[in-house]
All heavy atoms as atom14 arrays in JSON, in Angstrom:
{
  "sequence": "LYPKELSGGMRQRVSIAAALILKPRLLIADEPVSALDVTVQAQVLDLL",
  "atom14_mask": [
    [1, 1, 1, 1, 1, 1, 1, 1, 0, 0, 0, 0, 0, 0],
    [1, 1, 1, 1, 1, 1, 1, 1, 1, 1, 1, 1, 0, 0],
    [1, 1, 1, 1, 1, 1, 1, 0, 0, 0, 0, 0, 0, 0],
    [1, 1, 1, 1, 1, 1, 1, 1, 1, 0, 0, 0, 0, 0],
    [1, 1, 1, 1, 1, 1, 1, 1, 1, 0, 0, 0, 0, 0],
    [1, 1, 1, 1, 1, 1, 1, 1, 0, 0, 0, 0, 0, 0],
    [1, 1, 1, 1, 1, 1, 0, 0, 0, 0, 0, 0, 0, 0],
    [1, 1, 1, 1, 0, 0, 0, 0, 0, 0, 0, 0, 0, 0],
    [1, 1, 1, 1, 0, 0, 0, 0, 0, 0, 0, 0, 0, 0],
    [1, 1, 1, 1, 1, 1, 1, 1, 0, 0, 0, 0, 0, 0],
    [1, 1, 1, 1, 1, 1, 1, 1, 1, 1, 1, 0, 0, 0],
    [1, 1, 1, 1, 1, 1, 1, 1, 1, 0, 0, 0, 0, 0],
    [1, 1, 1, 1, 1, 1, 1, 1, 1, 1, 1, 0, 0, 0],
    [1, 1, 1, 1, 1, 1, 1, 0, 0, 0, 0, 0, 0, 0],
    [1, 1, 1, 1, 1, 1, 0, 0, 0, 0, 0, 0, 0, 0],
    [1, 1, 1, 1, 1, 1, 1, 1, 0, 0, 0, 0, 0, 0],
    [1, 1, 1, 1, 1, 0, 0, 0, 0, 0, 0, 0, 0, 0],
    [1, 1, 1, 1, 1, 0, 0, 0, 0, 0, 0, 0, 0, 0],
    [1, 1, 1, 1, 1, 0, 0, 0, 0, 0, 0, 0, 0, 0],
    [1, 1, 1, 1, 1, 1, 1, 1, 0, 0, 0, 0, 0, 0],
    [1, 1, 1, 1, 1, 1, 1, 1, 0, 0, 0, 0, 0, 0],
    [1, 1, 1, 1, 1, 1, 1, 1, 0, 0, 0, 0, 0, 0],
    [1, 1, 1, 1, 1, 1, 1, 1, 1, 0, 0, 0, 0, 0],
    [1, 1, 1, 1, 1, 1, 1, 0, 0, 0, 0, 0, 0, 0],
    [1, 1, 1, 1, 1, 1, 1, 1, 1, 1, 1, 0, 0, 0],
    [1, 1, 1, 1, 1, 1, 1, 1, 0, 0, 0, 0, 0, 0],
    [1, 1, 1, 1, 1, 1, 1, 1, 0, 0, 0, 0, 0, 0],
    [1, 1, 1, 1, 1, 1, 1, 1, 0, 0, 0, 0, 0, 0],
    [1, 1, 1, 1, 1, 0, 0, 0, 0, 0, 0, 0, 0, 0],
    [1, 1, 1, 1, 1, 1, 1, 1, 0, 0, 0, 0, 0, 0],
    [1, 1, 1, 1, 1, 1, 1, 1, 1, 0, 0, 0, 0, 0],
    [1, 1, 1, 1, 1, 1, 1, 0, 0, 0, 0, 0, 0, 0],
    [1, 1, 1, 1, 1, 1, 1, 0, 0, 0, 0, 0, 0, 0],
    [1, 1, 1, 1, 1, 1, 0, 0, 0, 0, 0, 0, 0, 0],
    [1, 1, 1, 1, 1, 0, 0, 0, 0, 0, 0, 0, 0, 0],
    [1, 1, 1, 1, 1, 1, 1, 1, 0, 0, 0, 0, 0, 0],
    [1, 1, 1, 1, 1, 1, 1, 1, 0, 0, 0, 0, 0, 0],
    [1, 1, 1, 1, 1, 1, 1, 0, 0, 0, 0, 0, 0, 0],
    [1, 1, 1, 1, 1, 1, 1, 0, 0, 0, 0, 0, 0, 0],
    [1, 1, 1, 1, 1, 1, 1, 0, 0, 0, 0, 0, 0, 0],
    [1, 1, 1, 1, 1, 1, 1, 1, 1, 0, 0, 0, 0, 0],
    [1, 1, 1, 1, 1, 0, 0, 0, 0, 0, 0, 0, 0, 0],
    [1, 1, 1, 1, 1, 1, 1, 1, 1, 0, 0, 0, 0, 0],
    [1, 1, 1, 1, 1, 1, 1, 0, 0, 0, 0, 0, 0, 0],
    [1, 1, 1, 1, 1, 1, 1, 1, 0, 0, 0, 0, 0, 0],
    [1, 1, 1, 1, 1, 1, 1, 1, 0, 0, 0, 0, 0, 0],
    [1, 1, 1, 1, 1, 1, 1, 1, 0, 0, 0, 0, 0, 0],
    [1, 1, 1, 1, 1, 1, 1, 1, 0, 0, 0, 0, 0, 0]
  ],
  "atom14_positions": [
    [[-106.15, -70.68, -32.31], [-105.69, -71.17, -33.61], [-106.81, -71.11, -34.65], [-107.99, -71.19, -34.32], [-105.19, -72.6, -33.48], [-103.99, -72.84, -32.55], [-103.58, -74.3, -32.57], [-102.81, -71.94, -32.95], [0.0, 0.0, 0.0], [0.0, 0.0, 0.0], [0.0, 0.0, 0.0], [0.0, 0.0, 0.0], [0.0, 0.0, 0.0], [0.0, 0.0, 0.0]],
    [[-106.39, -70.99, -35.91], [-107.34, -71.01, -37.03], [-107.33, -72.39, -37.68], [-106.36, -73.15, -37.53], [-106.95, -69.93, -38.05], [-107.23, -68.53, -37.56], [-106.27, -67.81, -36.83], [-108.46, -67.92, -37.81], [-106.54, -66.53, -36.37], [-108.73, -66.63, -37.36], [-107.76, -65.95, -36.64], [-108.04, -64.68, -36.17], [0.0, 0.0, 0.0], [0.0, 0.0, 0.0]],
    [[-108.39, -72.74, -38.43], [-108.46, -74.06, -39.04], [-107.22, -74.45, -39.84], [-106.81, -75.62, -39.82], [-109.71, -73.97, -39.93], [-110.59, -73.02, -39.2], [-109.65, -71.98, -38.62], [0.0, 0.0, 0.0], [0.0, 0.0, 0.0], [0.0, 0.0, 0.0], [0.0, 0.0, 0.0], [0.0, 0.0, 0.0], [0.0, 0.0, 0.0], [0.0, 0.0, 0.0]],
    [[-106.63, -73.49, -40.56], [-105.46, -73.81, -41.39], [-104.27, -74.26, -40.56], [-103.33, -74.87, -41.09], [-105.09, -72.62, -42.26], [-104.57, -71.42, -41.47], [-104.22, -70.26, -42.39], [-103.69, -69.05, -41.59], [-103.38, -67.91, -42.48], [0.0, 0.0, 0.0], [0.0, 0.0, 0.0], [0.0, 0.0, 0.0], [0.0, 0.0, 0.0], [0.0, 0.0, 0.0]],
    [[-104.3, -73.97, -39.27], [-103.21, -74.35, -38.38], [-103.44, -75.7, -37.7], [-102.63, -76.13, -36.89], [-103.02, -73.27, -37.31], [-102.7, -71.89, -37.87], [-102.67, -70.8, -36.82], [-103.75, -70.39, -36.36], [-101.55, -70.38, -36.45], [0.0, 0.0, 0.0], [0.0, 0.0, 0.0], [0.0, 0.0, 0.0], [0.0, 0.0, 0.0], [0.0, 0.0, 0.0]],
    [[-104.53, -76.37, -38.05], [-104.88, -77.64, -37.42], [-104.79, -78.79, -38.42], [-104.98, -78.61, -39.62], [-106.32, -77.57, -36.88], [-106.66, -76.45, -35.92], [-108.15, -76.48, -35.61], [-105.84, -76.55, -34.64], [0.0, 0.0, 0.0], [0.0, 0.0, 0.0], [0.0, 0.0, 0.0], [0.0, 0.0, 0.0], [0.0, 0.0, 0.0], [0.0, 0.0, 0.0]],
    [[-104.55, -79.98, -37.91], [-104.62, -81.17, -38.74], [-106.08, -81.53, -39.01], [-106.99, -81.0, -38.37], [-103.94, -82.34, -38.02], [-104.69, -82.7, -36.86], [0.0, 0.0, 0.0], [0.0, 0.0, 0.0], [0.0, 0.0, 0.0], [0.0, 0.0, 0.0], [0.0, 0.0, 0.0], [0.0, 0.0, 0.0], [0.0, 0.0, 0.0], [0.0, 0.0, 0.0]],
    [[-106.31, -82.46, -39.94], [-107.67, -82.87, -40.24], [-108.39, -83.46, -39.04], [-109.56, -83.17, -38.79], [0.0, 0.0, 0.0], [0.0, 0.0, 0.0], [0.0, 0.0, 0.0], [0.0, 0.0, 0.0], [0.0, 0.0, 0.0], [0.0, 0.0, 0.0], [0.0, 0.0, 0.0], [0.0, 0.0, 0.0], [0.0, 0.0, 0.0], [0.0, 0.0, 0.0]],
    [[-107.68, -84.28, -38.28], [-108.28, -84.87, -37.09], [-108.64, -83.83, -36.05], [-109.7, -83.92, -35.4], [0.0, 0.0, 0.0], [0.0, 0.0, 0.0], [0.0, 0.0, 0.0], [0.0, 0.0, 0.0], [0.0, 0.0, 0.0], [0.0, 0.0, 0.0], [0.0, 0.0, 0.0], [0.0, 0.0, 0.0], [0.0, 0.0, 0.0], [0.0, 0.0, 0.0]],
    [[-107.78, -82.83, -35.88], [-108.05, -81.77, -34.92], [-109.24, -80.93, -35.37], [-110.07, -80.52, -34.55], [-106.81, -80.9, -34.73], [-105.66, -81.61, -34.03], [-104.14, -80.63, -34.03], [-104.55, -79.34, -32.87], [0.0, 0.0, 0.0], [0.0, 0.0, 0.0], [0.0, 0.0, 0.0], [0.0, 0.0, 0.0], [0.0, 0.0, 0.0], [0.0, 0.0, 0.0]],
    [[-109.33, -80.67, -36.67], [-110.49, -79.91, -37.17], [-111.79, -80.65, -36.9], [-112.79, -80.04, -36.51], [-110.34, -79.68, -38.68], [-109.22, -78.75, -39.06], [-109.2, -78.53, -40.55], [-107.94, -77.92, -40.97], [-107.73, -77.4, -42.17], [-108.7, -77.42, -43.07], [-106.57, -76.87, -42.48], [0.0, 0.0, 0.0], [0.0, 0.0, 0.0], [0.0, 0.0, 0.0]],
    [[-111.77, -81.98, -37.09], [-113.01, -82.72, -36.84], [-113.34, -82.72, -35.35], [-114.52, -82.68, -34.97], [-112.87, -84.15, -37.37], [-114.2, -84.9, -37.49], [-115.18, -84.23, -38.43], [-115.65, -83.11, -38.18], [-115.51, -84.91, -39.52], [0.0, 0.0, 0.0], [0.0, 0.0, 0.0], [0.0, 0.0, 0.0], [0.0, 0.0, 0.0], [0.0, 0.0, 0.0]],
    [[-112.33, -82.71, -34.49], [-112.58, -82.6, -33.05], [-113.21, -81.25, -32.7], [-114.08, -81.17, -31.84], [-111.29, -82.82, -32.26], [-110.8, -84.26, -32.28], [-109.41, -84.4, -31.65], [-108.89, -85.73, -31.85], [-109.03, -86.75, -30.99], [-109.66, -86.55, -29.84], [-108.53, -87.92, -31.25], [0.0, 0.0, 0.0], [0.0, 0.0, 0.0], [0.0, 0.0, 0.0]],
    [[-112.78, -80.2, -33.39], [-113.39, -78.89, -33.18], [-114.86, -78.91, -33.61], [-115.74, -78.38, -32.93], [-112.61, -77.8, -33.95], [-113.35, -76.46, -33.88], [-111.21, -77.65, -33.39], [0.0, 0.0, 0.0], [0.0, 0.0, 0.0], [0.0, 0.0, 0.0], [0.0, 0.0, 0.0], [0.0, 0.0, 0.0], [0.0, 0.0, 0.0], [0.0, 0.0, 0.0]],
    [[-115.13, -79.55, -34.75], [-116.51, -79.66, -35.23], [-117.38, -80.41, -34.23], [-118.53, -80.03, -33.97], [-116.55, -80.39, -36.58], [-115.91, -79.64, -37.58], [0.0, 0.0, 0.0], [0.0, 0.0, 0.0], [0.0, 0.0, 0.0], [0.0, 0.0, 0.0], [0.0, 0.0, 0.0], [0.0, 0.0, 0.0], [0.0, 0.0, 0.0], [0.0, 0.0, 0.0]],
    [[-116.83, -81.47, -33.66], [-117.56, -82.26, -32.65], [-117.81, -81.42, -31.41], [-118.9, -81.42, -30.84], [-116.81, -83.55, -32.32], [-116.78, -84.48, -33.55], [-117.44, -84.26, -31.13], [-115.84, -85.66, -33.42], [0.0, 0.0, 0.0], [0.0, 0.0, 0.0], [0.0, 0.0, 0.0], [0.0, 0.0, 0.0], [0.0, 0.0, 0.0], [0.0, 0.0, 0.0]],
    [[-116.79, -80.66, -30.99], [-116.95, -79.79, -29.81], [-118.04, -78.76, -30.04], [-118.87, -78.51, -29.15], [-115.62, -79.1, -29.5], [0.0, 0.0, 0.0], [0.0, 0.0, 0.0], [0.0, 0.0, 0.0], [0.0, 0.0, 0.0], [0.0, 0.0, 0.0], [0.0, 0.0, 0.0], [0.0, 0.0, 0.0], [0.0, 0.0, 0.0], [0.0, 0.0, 0.0]],
    [[-118.07, -78.14, -31.23], [-119.1, -77.14, -31.53], [-120.49, -77.76, -31.53], [-121.47, -77.13, -31.11], [-118.81, -76.48, -32.88], [0.0, 0.0, 0.0], [0.0, 0.0, 0.0], [0.0, 0.0, 0.0], [0.0, 0.0, 0.0], [0.0, 0.0, 0.0], [0.0, 0.0, 0.0], [0.0, 0.0, 0.0], [0.0, 0.0, 0.0], [0.0, 0.0, 0.0]],
    [[-120.59, -79.01, -31.99], [-121.87, -79.7, -32.0], [-122.34, -80.06, -30.59], [-123.54, -80.12, -30.32], [-121.79, -80.96, -32.86], [0.0, 0.0, 0.0], [0.0, 0.0, 0.0], [0.0, 0.0, 0.0], [0.0, 0.0, 0.0], [0.0, 0.0, 0.0], [0.0, 0.0, 0.0], [0.0, 0.0, 0.0], [0.0, 0.0, 0.0], [0.0, 0.0, 0.0]],
    [[-121.39, -80.29, -29.69], [-121.73, -80.75, -28.33], [-121.88, -79.63, -27.31], [-122.35, -79.88, -26.2], [-120.65, -81.71, -27.83], [-120.56, -83.08, -28.51], [-119.39, -83.87, -27.94], [-121.86, -83.85, -28.33], [0.0, 0.0, 0.0], [0.0, 0.0, 0.0], [0.0, 0.0, 0.0], [0.0, 0.0, 0.0], [0.0, 0.0, 0.0], [0.0, 0.0, 0.0]],
    [[-121.5, -78.41, -27.67], [-121.41, -77.34, -26.68], [-122.76, -77.04, -26.03], [-122.82, -76.63, -24.86], [-120.79, -76.06, -27.3], [-120.41, -75.03, -26.24], [-121.73, -75.46, -28.35], [-119.26, -75.43, -25.37], [0.0, 0.0, 0.0], [0.0, 0.0, 0.0], [0.0, 0.0, 0.0], [0.0, 0.0, 0.0], [0.0, 0.0, 0.0], [0.0, 0.0, 0.0]],
    [[-123.86, -77.26, -26.73], [-125.19, -77.02, -26.16], [-125.79, -78.28, -25.53], [-126.96, -78.31, -25.18], [-126.14, -76.46, -27.23], [-125.81, -75.06, -27.72], [-126.76, -74.64, -28.84], [-125.86, -74.05, -26.58], [0.0, 0.0, 0.0], [0.0, 0.0, 0.0], [0.0, 0.0, 0.0], [0.0, 0.0, 0.0], [0.0, 0.0, 0.0], [0.0, 0.0, 0.0]],
    [[-124.97, -79.32, -25.43], [-125.34, -80.57, -24.74], [-126.58, -81.25, -25.33], [-127.54, -81.55, -24.62], [-125.51, -80.32, -23.25], [-124.24, -79.82, -22.57], [-124.43, -79.63, -21.08], [-123.13, -79.16, -20.43], [-123.26, -78.94, -18.97], [0.0, 0.0, 0.0], [0.0, 0.0, 0.0], [0.0, 0.0, 0.0], [0.0, 0.0, 0.0], [0.0, 0.0, 0.0]],
    [[-126.58, -81.5, -26.63], [-127.69, -82.24, -27.23], [-127.62, -83.7, -26.79], [-126.57, -84.2, -26.36], [-127.43, -82.12, -28.73], [-125.94, -82.04, -28.82], [-125.52, -81.22, -27.62], [0.0, 0.0, 0.0], [0.0, 0.0, 0.0], [0.0, 0.0, 0.0], [0.0, 0.0, 0.0], [0.0, 0.0, 0.0], [0.0, 0.0, 0.0], [0.0, 0.0, 0.0]],
    [[-128.73, -84.42, -26.95], [-128.73, -85.85, -26.67], [-128.49, -86.66, -27.93], [-128.18, -87.85, -27.86], [-130.06, -86.26, -26.03], [-130.23, -85.77, -24.6], [-131.62, -86.05, -24.09], [-131.96, -87.47, -24.17], [-133.21, -87.95, -24.14], [-134.23, -87.13, -24.05], [-133.42, -89.25, -24.21], [0.0, 0.0, 0.0], [0.0, 0.0, 0.0], [0.0, 0.0, 0.0]],
    [[-128.7, -86.02, -29.09], [-128.57, -86.73, -30.37], [-127.64, -85.96, -31.3], [-127.81, -84.77, -31.5], [-129.95, -86.89, -31.02], [-129.99, -87.44, -32.46], [-129.38, -88.82, -32.55], [-131.42, -87.43, -32.99], [0.0, 0.0, 0.0], [0.0, 0.0, 0.0], [0.0, 0.0, 0.0], [0.0, 0.0, 0.0], [0.0, 0.0, 0.0], [0.0, 0.0, 0.0]],
    [[-126.68, -86.68, -31.88], [-125.83, -86.13, -32.92], [-126.1, -86.87, -34.23], [-126.21, -88.1, -34.23], [-124.34, -86.29, -32.58], [-123.7, -85.37, -31.56], [-122.19, -85.6, -31.55], [-124.01, -83.91, -31.84], [0.0, 0.0, 0.0], [0.0, 0.0, 0.0], [0.0, 0.0, 0.0], [0.0, 0.0, 0.0], [0.0, 0.0, 0.0], [0.0, 0.0, 0.0]],
    [[-126.19, -86.11, -35.31], [-126.23, -86.71, -36.65], [-124.84, -86.54, -37.23], [-124.35, -85.42, -37.41], [-127.29, -86.05, -37.53], [-128.67, -86.26, -36.94], [-127.22, -86.6, -38.95], [-129.79, -85.59, -37.7], [0.0, 0.0, 0.0], [0.0, 0.0, 0.0], [0.0, 0.0, 0.0], [0.0, 0.0, 0.0], [0.0, 0.0, 0.0], [0.0, 0.0, 0.0]],
    [[-124.18, -87.66, -37.5], [-122.81, -87.65, -38.02], [-122.86, -88.09, -39.48], [-123.09, -89.27, -39.76], [-121.92, -88.57, -37.2], [0.0, 0.0, 0.0], [0.0, 0.0, 0.0], [0.0, 0.0, 0.0], [0.0, 0.0, 0.0], [0.0, 0.0, 0.0], [0.0, 0.0, 0.0], [0.0, 0.0, 0.0], [0.0, 0.0, 0.0], [0.0, 0.0, 0.0]],
    [[-122.69, -87.15, -40.4], [-122.8, -87.42, -41.83], [-121.42, -87.66, -42.41], [-120.68, -86.72, -42.67], [-123.5, -86.25, -42.53], [-123.87, -86.58, -43.97], [-123.54, -87.68, -44.44], [-124.5, -85.73, -44.63], [0.0, 0.0, 0.0], [0.0, 0.0, 0.0], [0.0, 0.0, 0.0], [0.0, 0.0, 0.0], [0.0, 0.0, 0.0], [0.0, 0.0, 0.0]],
    [[-121.06, -88.92, -42.59], [-119.73, -89.3, -43.11], [-118.62, -88.62, -42.31], [-117.73, -87.98, -42.89], [-119.61, -88.94, -44.59], [-120.66, -89.56, -45.49], [-120.3, -90.97, -45.96], [-119.28, -91.51, -45.47], [-121.03, -91.53, -46.77], [0.0, 0.0, 0.0], [0.0, 0.0, 0.0], [0.0, 0.0, 0.0], [0.0, 0.0, 0.0], [0.0, 0.0, 0.0]],
    [[-118.62, -88.73, -40.98], [-117.71, -87.91, -40.18], [-116.23, -88.27, -40.27], [-115.4, -87.49, -39.83], [-118.23, -88.13, -38.75], [-118.81, -89.5, -38.79], [-119.45, -89.61, -40.14], [0.0, 0.0, 0.0], [0.0, 0.0, 0.0], [0.0, 0.0, 0.0], [0.0, 0.0, 0.0], [0.0, 0.0, 0.0], [0.0, 0.0, 0.0], [0.0, 0.0, 0.0]],
    [[-115.91, -89.44, -40.84], [-114.49, -89.82, -40.92], [-114.03, -90.09, -42.34], [-112.87, -90.43, -42.56], [-114.19, -91.06, -40.03], [-114.45, -90.75, -38.57], [-115.0, -92.27, -40.47], [0.0, 0.0, 0.0], [0.0, 0.0, 0.0], [0.0, 0.0, 0.0], [0.0, 0.0, 0.0], [0.0, 0.0, 0.0], [0.0, 0.0, 0.0], [0.0, 0.0, 0.0]],
    [[-114.91, -89.91, -43.33], [-114.55, -90.29, -44.7], [-113.45, -89.42, -45.3], [-112.75, -89.86, -46.22], [-115.78, -90.27, -45.6], [-116.31, -88.97, -45.71], [0.0, 0.0, 0.0], [0.0, 0.0, 0.0], [0.0, 0.0, 0.0], [0.0, 0.0, 0.0], [0.0, 0.0, 0.0], [0.0, 0.0, 0.0], [0.0, 0.0, 0.0], [0.0, 0.0, 0.0]],
    [[-113.28, -88.2, -44.79], [-112.25, -87.3, -45.33], [-110.92, -87.43, -44.59], [-109.97, -86.69, -44.89], [-112.74, -85.85, -45.26], [0.0, 0.0, 0.0], [0.0, 0.0, 0.0], [0.0, 0.0, 0.0], [0.0, 0.0, 0.0], [0.0, 0.0, 0.0], [0.0, 0.0, 0.0], [0.0, 0.0, 0.0], [0.0, 0.0, 0.0], [0.0, 0.0, 0.0]],
    [[-110.83, -88.38, -43.66], [-109.63, -88.53, -42.84], [-108.88, -89.8, -43.22], [-109.47, -90.75, -43.72], [-110.03, -88.6, -41.35], [-110.9, -87.46, -40.85], [-111.34, -87.73, -39.41], [-110.17, -86.12, -40.94], [0.0, 0.0, 0.0], [0.0, 0.0, 0.0], [0.0, 0.0, 0.0], [0.0, 0.0, 0.0], [0.0, 0.0, 0.0], [0.0, 0.0, 0.0]],
    [[-107.57, -89.81, -42.95], [-106.83, -91.04, -43.24], [-107.16, -92.11, -42.19], [-107.8, -91.83, -41.17], [-105.32, -90.78, -43.32], [-104.71, -90.35, -42.0], [-105.08, -90.9, -40.94], [-103.84, -89.45, -42.01], [0.0, 0.0, 0.0], [0.0, 0.0, 0.0], [0.0, 0.0, 0.0], [0.0, 0.0, 0.0], [0.0, 0.0, 0.0], [0.0, 0.0, 0.0]],
    [[-106.76, -93.33, -42.45], [-107.23, -94.48, -41.68], [-106.88, -94.36, -40.2], [-107.71, -94.64, -39.32], [-106.66, -95.79, -42.26], [-107.03, -96.97, -41.37], [-107.19, -96.01, -43.67], [0.0, 0.0, 0.0], [0.0, 0.0, 0.0], [0.0, 0.0, 0.0], [0.0, 0.0, 0.0], [0.0, 0.0, 0.0], [0.0, 0.0, 0.0], [0.0, 0.0, 0.0]],
    [[-105.68, -93.92, -39.89], [-105.26, -93.81, -38.49], [-106.11, -92.78, -37.75], [-106.57, -93.02, -36.64], [-103.78, -93.41, -38.4], [-102.99, -94.4, -39.06], [-103.34, -93.31, -36.95], [0.0, 0.0, 0.0], [0.0, 0.0, 0.0], [0.0, 0.0, 0.0], [0.0, 0.0, 0.0], [0.0, 0.0, 0.0], [0.0, 0.0, 0.0], [0.0, 0.0, 0.0]],
    [[-106.34, -91.64, -38.38], [-107.13, -90.58, -37.75], [-108.6, -91.0, -37.67], [-109.29, -90.68, -36.7], [-106.97, -89.25, -38.51], [-107.81, -88.15, -37.88], [-105.5, -88.84, -38.54], [0.0, 0.0, 0.0], [0.0, 0.0, 0.0], [0.0, 0.0, 0.0], [0.0, 0.0, 0.0], [0.0, 0.0, 0.0], [0.0, 0.0, 0.0], [0.0, 0.0, 0.0]],
    [[-109.08, -91.74, -38.67], [-110.44, -92.28, -38.61], [-110.65, -93.06, -37.33], [-111.66, -92.89, -36.62], [-110.7, -93.21, -39.8], [-111.08, -92.53, -41.08], [-111.5, -93.53, -42.14], [-111.74, -94.7, -41.85], [-111.6, -93.08, -43.38], [0.0, 0.0, 0.0], [0.0, 0.0, 0.0], [0.0, 0.0, 0.0], [0.0, 0.0, 0.0], [0.0, 0.0, 0.0]],
    [[-109.71, -93.94, -37.02], [-109.83, -94.79, -35.83], [-109.87, -93.94, -34.57], [-110.64, -94.22, -33.63], [-108.66, -95.77, -35.77], [0.0, 0.0, 0.0], [0.0, 0.0, 0.0], [0.0, 0.0, 0.0], [0.0, 0.0, 0.0], [0.0, 0.0, 0.0], [0.0, 0.0, 0.0], [0.0, 0.0, 0.0], [0.0, 0.0, 0.0], [0.0, 0.0, 0.0]],
    [[-109.06, -92.88, -34.52], [-109.03, -92.0, -33.35], [-110.37, -91.29, -33.17], [-110.88, -91.18, -32.05], [-107.9, -90.99, -33.49], [-106.51, -91.6, -33.46], [-105.43, -90.6, -33.84], [-105.71, -89.46, -34.22], [-104.18, -91.03, -33.74], [0.0, 0.0, 0.0], [0.0, 0.0, 0.0], [0.0, 0.0, 0.0], [0.0, 0.0, 0.0], [0.0, 0.0, 0.0]],
    [[-110.95, -90.79, -34.26], [-112.23, -90.08, -34.18], [-113.36, -91.04, -33.8], [-114.23, -90.69, -33.01], [-112.52, -89.33, -35.49], [-113.94, -88.74, -35.48], [-111.49, -88.22, -35.71], [0.0, 0.0, 0.0], [0.0, 0.0, 0.0], [0.0, 0.0, 0.0], [0.0, 0.0, 0.0], [0.0, 0.0, 0.0], [0.0, 0.0, 0.0], [0.0, 0.0, 0.0]],
    [[-113.35, -92.24, -34.36], [-114.35, -93.24, -33.99], [-114.27, -93.59, -32.51], [-115.29, -93.72, -31.83], [-114.2, -94.5, -34.85], [-114.57, -94.35, -36.32], [-114.26, -95.65, -37.07], [-116.03, -93.98, -36.51], [0.0, 0.0, 0.0], [0.0, 0.0, 0.0], [0.0, 0.0, 0.0], [0.0, 0.0, 0.0], [0.0, 0.0, 0.0], [0.0, 0.0, 0.0]],
    [[-113.04, -93.74, -32.01], [-112.86, -94.01, -30.58], [-113.43, -92.86, -29.75], [-114.06, -93.09, -28.71], [-111.37, -94.21, -30.25], [-110.84, -95.55, -30.73], [-111.66, -96.44, -31.05], [-109.6, -95.7, -30.79], [0.0, 0.0, 0.0], [0.0, 0.0, 0.0], [0.0, 0.0, 0.0], [0.0, 0.0, 0.0], [0.0, 0.0, 0.0], [0.0, 0.0, 0.0]],
    [[-113.18, -91.63, -30.2], [-113.69, -90.46, -29.48], [-115.22, -90.47, -29.45], [-115.83, -90.24, -28.39], [-113.19, -89.17, -30.15], [-113.79, -87.87, -29.61], [-113.42, -87.67, -28.15], [-113.33, -86.69, -30.45], [0.0, 0.0, 0.0], [0.0, 0.0, 0.0], [0.0, 0.0, 0.0], [0.0, 0.0, 0.0], [0.0, 0.0, 0.0], [0.0, 0.0, 0.0]],
    [[-115.85, -90.73, -30.59], [-117.32, -90.76, -30.63], [-117.87, -91.83, -29.7], [-118.88, -91.62, -29.02], [-117.8, -91.0, -32.07], [-117.53, -89.86, -33.06], [-117.88, -90.3, -34.48], [-118.29, -88.6, -32.69], [0.0, 0.0, 0.0], [0.0, 0.0, 0.0], [0.0, 0.0, 0.0], [0.0, 0.0, 0.0], [0.0, 0.0, 0.0], [0.0, 0.0, 0.0]]
  ]
}
C-alpha cells in the first residue's frame, strides 16, 4: 500500500516501524501525535 491508502494512525505506525527496523535503543519522537485526532492519539501513545 501507498501512504494515500492509509489512515493517519496507520501512517504513523509505518513511521514508527521504519524508525525501529534497525533496532535502536533510543527514539526521538517530535510531536508524534499532534497531527492525529484524540482517539488515534491514544492508540499511538499506547503503542509507544
